[in-house]
Amino acid sequence: MGHGSGMESRLRQSSRFTGTSGFTLVEIIVGLMVFMAISFGLIQVFMNGATYANRSDAKAAATSLAAQVMEQIKASPNPFAMVGFTSMARTPLPLPAPYTGVVNPSPHTFQIAVTVTPDNNLNLITVTVSVYRPTDPDNAPLLTESTVLDAQ
């Protein structure tokens, strides 16, 4: 009896490895592939999010720069006469006079262009401020802001 019960316990132990519990190699490989596919998808989402956040930060800084230039023009004694303010080609910061005092609030590098277009028939001047990132592959401005000044 002692001999027979030892054989039964050995059979029970070996049935533990041949039973349905546990994972097969194919199941493990399929599980790892699903995990990797989900992981790569999440990595792409996070990378795109970081790119969009950086672009948004740059656009906010460009808006601040354009607003500073516009405020300097509007704060002049007679904005319509544009005391000392003229068109300016694409120029890196810091800007020359009369646009001095424009401060870049970010670590991004920008270039600014100002276009002053008078309309003598209506006594109006259109001022357009364009902010560029020199690292962008195209020559399109990151931001363009315009205002119209009248003689009154």
N, C-alpha and C. Protein backbone atom coordinates (compact mmCIF):
# COMPACT_ATOMS: atom_id res chain seq x y z
N MET A 1 0.82 -1.17 0.00
CA MET A 1 0.00 0.00 0.00
C MET A 1 0.87 1.25 0.00
N GLY A 2 1.93 1.22 0.76
CA GLY A 2 2.84 2.34 0.78
C GLY A 2 3.45 2.58 -0.59
N HIS A 3 3.68 1.48 -1.31
CA HIS A 3 4.28 1.61 -2.62
C HIS A 3 3.30 2.18 -3.64
N GLY A 4 2.06 1.75 -3.56
CA GLY A 4 1.02 2.21 -4.48
C GLY A 4 0.67 3.68 -4.25
N SER A 5 0.64 4.11 -2.98
CA SER A 5 0.27 5.51 -2.72
C SER A 5 1.38 6.45 -3.20
N GLY A 6 2.63 6.02 -3.19
CA GLY A 6 3.72 6.84 -3.71
C GLY A 6 3.59 7.03 -5.22
N MET A 7 3.13 6.00 -5.89
CA MET A 7 2.94 6.07 -7.33
C MET A 7 1.81 7.04 -7.67
N GLU A 8 0.76 7.01 -6.85
CA GLU A 8 -0.37 7.91 -7.10
C GLU A 8 0.06 9.37 -6.91
N SER A 9 0.86 9.63 -5.89
CA SER A 9 1.30 11.02 -5.65
C SER A 9 2.20 11.49 -6.80
N ARG A 10 3.01 10.57 -7.35
CA ARG A 10 3.84 10.94 -8.50
C ARG A 10 2.96 11.24 -9.71
N LEU A 11 1.91 10.49 -9.91
CA LEU A 11 1.00 10.73 -11.01
C LEU A 11 0.29 12.07 -10.84
N ARG A 12 -0.08 12.37 -9.60
CA ARG A 12 -0.73 13.65 -9.35
C ARG A 12 0.23 14.82 -9.64
N GLN A 13 1.48 14.67 -9.25
CA GLN A 13 2.46 15.73 -9.50
C GLN A 13 2.70 15.92 -11.00
N SER A 14 2.81 14.85 -11.72
CA SER A 14 3.07 14.98 -13.15
C SER A 14 1.82 15.46 -13.89
N SER A 15 0.63 15.20 -13.36
CA SER A 15 -0.58 15.68 -14.02
C SER A 15 -0.69 17.20 -13.88
N ARG A 16 -0.01 17.75 -12.90
CA ARG A 16 -0.02 19.19 -12.72
C ARG A 16 0.63 19.86 -13.94
N PHE A 17 1.62 19.26 -14.53
CA PHE A 17 2.31 19.84 -15.67
C PHE A 17 1.62 19.50 -16.99
N THR A 18 0.83 18.50 -17.03
CA THR A 18 0.18 18.11 -18.28
C THR A 18 -1.27 18.56 -18.31
N GLY A 19 -1.75 19.20 -17.27
CA GLY A 19 -3.14 19.63 -17.21
C GLY A 19 -3.37 20.90 -18.02
N THR A 20 -4.51 21.51 -17.83
CA THR A 20 -4.88 22.68 -18.60
C THR A 20 -4.45 24.00 -17.94
N SER A 21 -3.86 23.91 -16.76
CA SER A 21 -3.42 25.15 -16.12
C SER A 21 -2.11 25.62 -16.75
N GLY A 22 -1.89 26.97 -16.76
CA GLY A 22 -0.68 27.53 -17.34
C GLY A 22 -0.91 28.00 -18.77
N PHE A 23 0.12 28.61 -19.37
CA PHE A 23 0.05 29.15 -20.72
C PHE A 23 0.98 28.39 -21.64
N THR A 24 0.56 28.27 -22.86
CA THR A 24 1.42 27.64 -23.85
C THR A 24 2.35 28.69 -24.44
N LEU A 25 3.35 28.28 -25.14
CA LEU A 25 4.30 29.20 -25.75
C LEU A 25 3.61 30.11 -26.77
N VAL A 26 2.67 29.57 -27.51
CA VAL A 26 1.94 30.36 -28.50
C VAL A 26 1.12 31.45 -27.81
N GLU A 27 0.48 31.13 -26.71
CA GLU A 27 -0.31 32.13 -25.98
C GLU A 27 0.59 33.24 -25.44
N ILE A 28 1.74 32.89 -24.95
CA ILE A 28 2.67 33.89 -24.43
C ILE A 28 3.15 34.81 -25.56
N ILE A 29 3.49 34.25 -26.70
CA ILE A 29 3.95 35.05 -27.84
C ILE A 29 2.84 35.98 -28.34
N VAL A 30 1.63 35.46 -28.44
CA VAL A 30 0.50 36.29 -28.88
C VAL A 30 0.25 37.41 -27.87
N GLY A 31 0.30 37.09 -26.60
CA GLY A 31 0.12 38.11 -25.56
C GLY A 31 1.18 39.20 -25.62
N LEU A 32 2.43 38.80 -25.82
CA LEU A 32 3.51 39.78 -25.94
C LEU A 32 3.33 40.66 -27.18
N MET A 33 2.88 40.07 -28.28
CA MET A 33 2.66 40.87 -29.49
C MET A 33 1.54 41.87 -29.29
N VAL A 34 0.47 41.48 -28.63
CA VAL A 34 -0.62 42.42 -28.34
C VAL A 34 -0.12 43.53 -27.42
N PHE A 35 0.63 43.17 -26.40
CA PHE A 35 1.20 44.17 -25.48
C PHE A 35 2.11 45.15 -26.23
N MET A 36 2.95 44.64 -27.13
CA MET A 36 3.86 45.51 -27.88
C MET A 36 3.08 46.43 -28.81
N ALA A 37 2.03 45.93 -29.45
CA ALA A 37 1.24 46.77 -30.35
C ALA A 37 0.57 47.91 -29.57
N ILE A 38 0.02 47.62 -28.42
CA ILE A 38 -0.61 48.65 -27.59
C ILE A 38 0.44 49.64 -27.10
N SER A 39 1.61 49.14 -26.69
CA SER A 39 2.68 50.01 -26.20
C SER A 39 3.16 50.96 -27.28
N PHE A 40 3.36 50.46 -28.49
CA PHE A 40 3.80 51.34 -29.59
C PHE A 40 2.74 52.39 -29.90
N GLY A 41 1.48 52.01 -29.85
CA GLY A 41 0.40 52.97 -30.07
C GLY A 41 0.40 54.07 -29.02
N LEU A 42 0.59 53.70 -27.77
CA LEU A 42 0.63 54.70 -26.69
C LEU A 42 1.85 55.59 -26.80
N ILE A 43 2.98 55.04 -27.19
CA ILE A 43 4.19 55.86 -27.37
C ILE A 43 3.95 56.91 -28.45
N GLN A 44 3.29 56.52 -29.55
CA GLN A 44 2.98 57.48 -30.61
C GLN A 44 2.08 58.59 -30.11
N VAL A 45 1.08 58.23 -29.31
CA VAL A 45 0.16 59.23 -28.77
C VAL A 45 0.92 60.23 -27.90
N PHE A 46 1.80 59.75 -27.03
CA PHE A 46 2.57 60.65 -26.16
C PHE A 46 3.54 61.51 -26.96
N MET A 47 4.17 60.96 -27.98
CA MET A 47 5.09 61.75 -28.79
C MET A 47 4.35 62.84 -29.56
N ASN A 48 3.19 62.52 -30.12
CA ASN A 48 2.38 63.52 -30.81
C ASN A 48 1.91 64.60 -29.84
N GLY A 49 1.54 64.20 -28.64
CA GLY A 49 1.11 65.17 -27.64
C GLY A 49 2.23 66.13 -27.28
N ALA A 50 3.44 65.63 -27.13
CA ALA A 50 4.58 66.50 -26.82
C ALA A 50 4.86 67.45 -27.97
N THR A 51 4.74 66.98 -29.20
CA THR A 51 4.95 67.85 -30.37
C THR A 51 3.92 68.96 -30.42
N TYR A 52 2.66 68.61 -30.20
CA TYR A 52 1.60 69.63 -30.23
C TYR A 52 1.75 70.61 -29.07
N ALA A 53 2.18 70.14 -27.91
CA ALA A 53 2.38 71.04 -26.77
C ALA A 53 3.51 72.03 -27.07
N ASN A 54 4.58 71.57 -27.69
CA ASN A 54 5.68 72.46 -28.06
C ASN A 54 5.23 73.48 -29.09
N ARG A 55 4.45 73.04 -30.07
CA ARG A 55 3.95 73.95 -31.10
C ARG A 55 3.02 74.99 -30.48
N SER A 56 2.19 74.57 -29.54
CA SER A 56 1.28 75.49 -28.86
C SER A 56 2.05 76.51 -28.04
N ASP A 57 3.10 76.07 -27.38
CA ASP A 57 3.93 76.97 -26.59
C ASP A 57 4.60 78.01 -27.49
N ALA A 58 5.09 77.58 -28.62
CA ALA A 58 5.73 78.50 -29.57
C ALA A 58 4.71 79.49 -30.12
N LYS A 59 3.51 79.03 -30.39
CA LYS A 59 2.48 79.92 -30.92
C LYS A 59 2.06 80.96 -29.87
N ALA A 60 1.99 80.56 -28.62
CA ALA A 60 1.66 81.51 -27.55
C ALA A 60 2.76 82.57 -27.41
N ALA A 61 4.01 82.17 -27.50
CA ALA A 61 5.11 83.12 -27.42
C ALA A 61 5.11 84.05 -28.63
N ALA A 62 4.80 83.52 -29.81
CA ALA A 62 4.74 84.35 -31.02
C ALA A 62 3.60 85.37 -30.91
N THR A 63 2.48 84.96 -30.34
CA THR A 63 1.37 85.88 -30.13
C THR A 63 1.77 87.00 -29.19
N SER A 64 2.51 86.67 -28.16
CA SER A 64 3.00 87.69 -27.22
C SER A 64 3.91 88.69 -27.92
N LEU A 65 4.81 88.21 -28.76
CA LEU A 65 5.72 89.10 -29.49
C LEU A 65 4.95 90.02 -30.44
N ALA A 66 4.01 89.46 -31.18
CA ALA A 66 3.22 90.27 -32.11
C ALA A 66 2.41 91.33 -31.36
N ALA A 67 1.85 90.95 -30.23
CA ALA A 67 1.08 91.91 -29.42
C ALA A 67 1.98 93.02 -28.88
N GLN A 68 3.22 92.69 -28.50
CA GLN A 68 4.15 93.71 -28.02
C GLN A 68 4.46 94.73 -29.12
N VAL A 69 4.69 94.26 -30.33
CA VAL A 69 4.97 95.17 -31.44
C VAL A 69 3.75 96.04 -31.72
N MET A 70 2.57 95.43 -31.75
CA MET A 70 1.34 96.20 -31.99
C MET A 70 1.12 97.25 -30.90
N GLU A 71 1.37 96.89 -29.66
CA GLU A 71 1.18 97.84 -28.56
C GLU A 71 2.16 99.01 -28.67
N GLN A 72 3.38 98.75 -29.09
CA GLN A 72 4.33 99.85 -29.28
C GLN A 72 3.85 100.81 -30.36
N ILE A 73 3.31 100.26 -31.43
CA ILE A 73 2.82 101.11 -32.51
C ILE A 73 1.60 101.92 -32.04
N LYS A 74 0.66 101.26 -31.37
CA LYS A 74 -0.55 101.94 -30.91
C LYS A 74 -0.24 102.96 -29.81
N ALA A 75 0.82 102.74 -29.05
CA ALA A 75 1.17 103.65 -27.96
C ALA A 75 1.96 104.86 -28.43
N SER A 76 2.31 104.92 -29.70
CA SER A 76 3.04 106.08 -30.20
C SER A 76 2.12 107.31 -30.15
N PRO A 77 2.69 108.53 -30.10
CA PRO A 77 1.87 109.73 -29.95
C PRO A 77 0.78 109.87 -31.01
N ASN A 78 1.08 109.50 -32.24
CA ASN A 78 0.08 109.55 -33.31
C ASN A 78 0.28 108.31 -34.16
N PRO A 79 -0.41 107.22 -33.82
CA PRO A 79 -0.17 105.97 -34.56
C PRO A 79 -0.41 106.09 -36.06
N PHE A 80 -1.35 106.96 -36.46
CA PHE A 80 -1.62 107.10 -37.89
C PHE A 80 -0.41 107.68 -38.60
N ALA A 81 0.22 108.65 -37.98
CA ALA A 81 1.41 109.25 -38.59
C ALA A 81 2.60 108.32 -38.47
N MET A 82 2.48 107.30 -37.62
CA MET A 82 3.51 106.28 -37.46
C MET A 82 4.88 106.92 -37.19
N VAL A 83 4.94 107.66 -36.10
CA VAL A 83 6.17 108.38 -35.75
C VAL A 83 7.32 107.39 -35.67
N GLY A 84 8.14 107.37 -36.68
CA GLY A 84 9.32 106.51 -36.70
C GLY A 84 9.05 105.05 -37.03
N PHE A 85 7.79 104.65 -37.18
CA PHE A 85 7.49 103.25 -37.46
C PHE A 85 7.32 103.05 -38.95
N THR A 86 8.07 102.13 -39.49
CA THR A 86 7.99 101.81 -40.92
C THR A 86 8.00 100.31 -41.07
N SER A 87 7.87 99.87 -42.30
CA SER A 87 7.95 98.43 -42.56
C SER A 87 9.34 97.93 -42.20
N MET A 88 9.39 96.70 -41.77
CA MET A 88 10.67 96.09 -41.40
C MET A 88 10.70 94.68 -41.98
N ALA A 89 11.79 94.37 -42.67
CA ALA A 89 11.94 93.02 -43.23
C ALA A 89 12.11 92.01 -42.10
N ARG A 90 12.05 90.75 -42.45
CA ARG A 90 12.20 89.66 -41.47
C ARG A 90 13.52 89.82 -40.73
N THR A 91 13.42 90.05 -39.40
CA THR A 91 14.58 90.38 -38.57
C THR A 91 14.57 89.53 -37.31
N PRO A 92 15.71 88.99 -36.92
CA PRO A 92 15.75 88.23 -35.65
C PRO A 92 15.73 89.19 -34.46
N LEU A 93 15.34 88.65 -33.31
CA LEU A 93 15.35 89.43 -32.07
C LEU A 93 16.78 89.60 -31.59
N PRO A 94 17.14 90.64 -30.91
CA PRO A 94 16.35 91.82 -30.55
C PRO A 94 16.14 92.72 -31.76
N LEU A 95 14.99 93.41 -31.77
CA LEU A 95 14.62 94.23 -32.91
C LEU A 95 15.28 95.60 -32.84
N PRO A 96 15.53 96.20 -34.00
CA PRO A 96 16.12 97.55 -34.02
C PRO A 96 15.07 98.60 -33.66
N ALA A 97 15.53 99.84 -33.40
CA ALA A 97 14.62 100.95 -33.12
C ALA A 97 13.75 101.17 -34.35
N PRO A 98 12.54 101.52 -34.22
CA PRO A 98 11.79 101.91 -33.03
C PRO A 98 11.08 100.75 -32.35
N TYR A 99 11.42 99.54 -32.70
CA TYR A 99 10.76 98.36 -32.13
C TYR A 99 11.52 97.77 -30.94
N THR A 100 12.43 98.53 -30.36
CA THR A 100 13.18 98.03 -29.20
C THR A 100 12.21 97.84 -28.03
N GLY A 101 12.58 97.01 -27.12
CA GLY A 101 11.72 96.75 -25.97
C GLY A 101 10.86 95.52 -26.13
N VAL A 102 10.88 94.90 -27.29
CA VAL A 102 10.12 93.67 -27.50
C VAL A 102 10.93 92.53 -26.89
N VAL A 103 10.31 91.82 -25.95
CA VAL A 103 11.01 90.78 -25.19
C VAL A 103 10.41 89.42 -25.53
N ASN A 104 11.27 88.48 -25.85
CA ASN A 104 10.84 87.12 -26.14
C ASN A 104 10.61 86.39 -24.81
N PRO A 105 9.36 85.96 -24.52
CA PRO A 105 9.07 85.32 -23.24
C PRO A 105 9.39 83.82 -23.20
N SER A 106 10.04 83.31 -24.22
CA SER A 106 10.24 81.86 -24.30
C SER A 106 11.65 81.54 -24.78
N PRO A 107 12.01 80.26 -24.71
CA PRO A 107 13.32 79.85 -25.23
C PRO A 107 13.34 79.68 -26.76
N HIS A 108 12.19 79.86 -27.41
CA HIS A 108 12.11 79.69 -28.86
C HIS A 108 12.79 80.85 -29.58
N THR A 109 13.31 80.58 -30.77
CA THR A 109 13.95 81.60 -31.59
C THR A 109 12.95 82.07 -32.64
N PHE A 110 12.79 83.38 -32.75
CA PHE A 110 11.83 83.94 -33.69
C PHE A 110 12.46 85.02 -34.55
N GLN A 111 11.81 85.29 -35.68
CA GLN A 111 12.11 86.44 -36.52
C GLN A 111 10.79 87.17 -36.74
N ILE A 112 10.86 88.51 -36.81
CA ILE A 112 9.64 89.31 -36.93
C ILE A 112 9.74 90.20 -38.16
N ALA A 113 8.63 90.31 -38.87
CA ALA A 113 8.52 91.23 -40.01
C ALA A 113 7.30 92.12 -39.77
N VAL A 114 7.45 93.41 -40.10
CA VAL A 114 6.35 94.36 -39.96
C VAL A 114 6.10 94.97 -41.34
N THR A 115 4.83 94.95 -41.74
CA THR A 115 4.44 95.56 -43.02
C THR A 115 3.46 96.69 -42.73
N VAL A 116 3.80 97.89 -43.16
CA VAL A 116 2.94 99.06 -42.99
C VAL A 116 2.43 99.44 -44.38
N THR A 117 1.10 99.36 -44.56
CA THR A 117 0.49 99.63 -45.86
C THR A 117 -0.50 100.79 -45.73
N PRO A 118 -0.15 101.97 -46.25
CA PRO A 118 -1.09 103.10 -46.17
C PRO A 118 -2.15 103.02 -47.27
N ASP A 119 -3.34 103.48 -46.94
CA ASP A 119 -4.42 103.64 -47.92
C ASP A 119 -4.83 105.11 -47.86
N ASN A 120 -4.25 105.92 -48.73
CA ASN A 120 -4.45 107.36 -48.69
C ASN A 120 -5.87 107.77 -49.05
N ASN A 121 -6.61 106.95 -49.77
CA ASN A 121 -7.99 107.28 -50.12
C ASN A 121 -8.90 107.28 -48.90
N LEU A 122 -8.66 106.35 -47.99
CA LEU A 122 -9.52 106.22 -46.80
C LEU A 122 -8.85 106.73 -45.53
N ASN A 123 -7.66 107.29 -45.64
CA ASN A 123 -6.89 107.74 -44.47
C ASN A 123 -6.71 106.61 -43.46
N LEU A 124 -6.33 105.45 -43.95
CA LEU A 124 -6.11 104.28 -43.10
C LEU A 124 -4.71 103.75 -43.33
N ILE A 125 -4.20 103.09 -42.32
CA ILE A 125 -2.93 102.37 -42.43
C ILE A 125 -3.16 100.97 -41.87
N THR A 126 -2.79 99.97 -42.64
CA THR A 126 -2.87 98.59 -42.16
C THR A 126 -1.47 98.17 -41.73
N VAL A 127 -1.36 97.71 -40.50
CA VAL A 127 -0.10 97.23 -39.96
C VAL A 127 -0.22 95.72 -39.76
N THR A 128 0.70 94.98 -40.36
CA THR A 128 0.70 93.52 -40.23
C THR A 128 2.02 93.09 -39.62
N VAL A 129 1.94 92.32 -38.55
CA VAL A 129 3.12 91.78 -37.89
C VAL A 129 3.13 90.28 -38.14
N SER A 130 4.21 89.79 -38.71
CA SER A 130 4.36 88.35 -38.97
C SER A 130 5.51 87.82 -38.13
N VAL A 131 5.28 86.70 -37.47
CA VAL A 131 6.31 86.08 -36.63
C VAL A 131 6.68 84.75 -37.26
N TYR A 132 7.97 84.56 -37.46
CA TYR A 132 8.49 83.34 -38.11
C TYR A 132 9.37 82.55 -37.15
N ARG A 133 9.40 81.26 -37.37
CA ARG A 133 10.40 80.41 -36.70
C ARG A 133 11.43 80.05 -37.75
N PRO A 134 12.69 80.44 -37.53
CA PRO A 134 13.71 80.15 -38.56
C PRO A 134 13.94 78.66 -38.77
N THR A 135 13.51 77.83 -37.82
CA THR A 135 13.72 76.39 -37.95
C THR A 135 12.65 75.71 -38.79
N ASP A 136 11.55 76.41 -39.10
CA ASP A 136 10.50 75.81 -39.91
C ASP A 136 10.98 75.63 -41.35
N PRO A 137 10.66 74.50 -41.97
CA PRO A 137 11.15 74.25 -43.33
C PRO A 137 10.51 75.16 -44.38
N ASP A 138 9.28 75.59 -44.13
CA ASP A 138 8.63 76.48 -45.10
C ASP A 138 8.83 77.94 -44.69
N ASN A 139 8.55 78.84 -45.57
CA ASN A 139 8.71 80.26 -45.28
C ASN A 139 7.42 80.90 -44.78
N ALA A 140 6.43 80.11 -44.47
CA ALA A 140 5.17 80.65 -43.97
C ALA A 140 5.34 81.12 -42.53
N PRO A 141 4.71 82.24 -42.19
CA PRO A 141 4.83 82.71 -40.81
C PRO A 141 4.08 81.79 -39.85
N LEU A 142 4.60 81.70 -38.65
CA LEU A 142 3.93 80.93 -37.60
C LEU A 142 2.66 81.66 -37.19
N LEU A 143 2.72 83.00 -37.19
CA LEU A 143 1.60 83.81 -36.75
C LEU A 143 1.59 85.13 -37.51
N THR A 144 0.42 85.59 -37.87
CA THR A 144 0.27 86.90 -38.51
C THR A 144 -0.84 87.64 -37.79
N GLU A 145 -0.56 88.87 -37.39
CA GLU A 145 -1.53 89.68 -36.69
C GLU A 145 -1.59 91.04 -37.38
N SER A 146 -2.81 91.54 -37.60
CA SER A 146 -2.98 92.81 -38.31
C SER A 146 -3.88 93.75 -37.53
N THR A 147 -3.71 95.04 -37.77
CA THR A 147 -4.60 96.05 -37.22
C THR A 147 -4.69 97.19 -38.22
N VAL A 148 -5.77 97.95 -38.12
CA VAL A 148 -5.98 99.09 -38.99
C VAL A 148 -5.99 100.34 -38.13
N LEU A 149 -5.19 101.32 -38.54
CA LEU A 149 -5.13 102.61 -37.83
C LEU A 149 -5.81 103.65 -38.70
N ASP A 150 -6.61 104.53 -38.06
CA ASP A 150 -7.28 105.57 -38.84
C ASP A 150 -6.76 106.95 -38.41
N ALA A 151 -7.13 107.97 -39.18
CA ALA A 151 -6.61 109.33 -38.97
C ALA A 151 -7.25 109.99 -37.74
N GLN A 152 -8.35 109.50 -37.27
CA GLN A 152 -8.99 110.12 -36.11
C GLN A 152 -8.31 109.63 -34.89
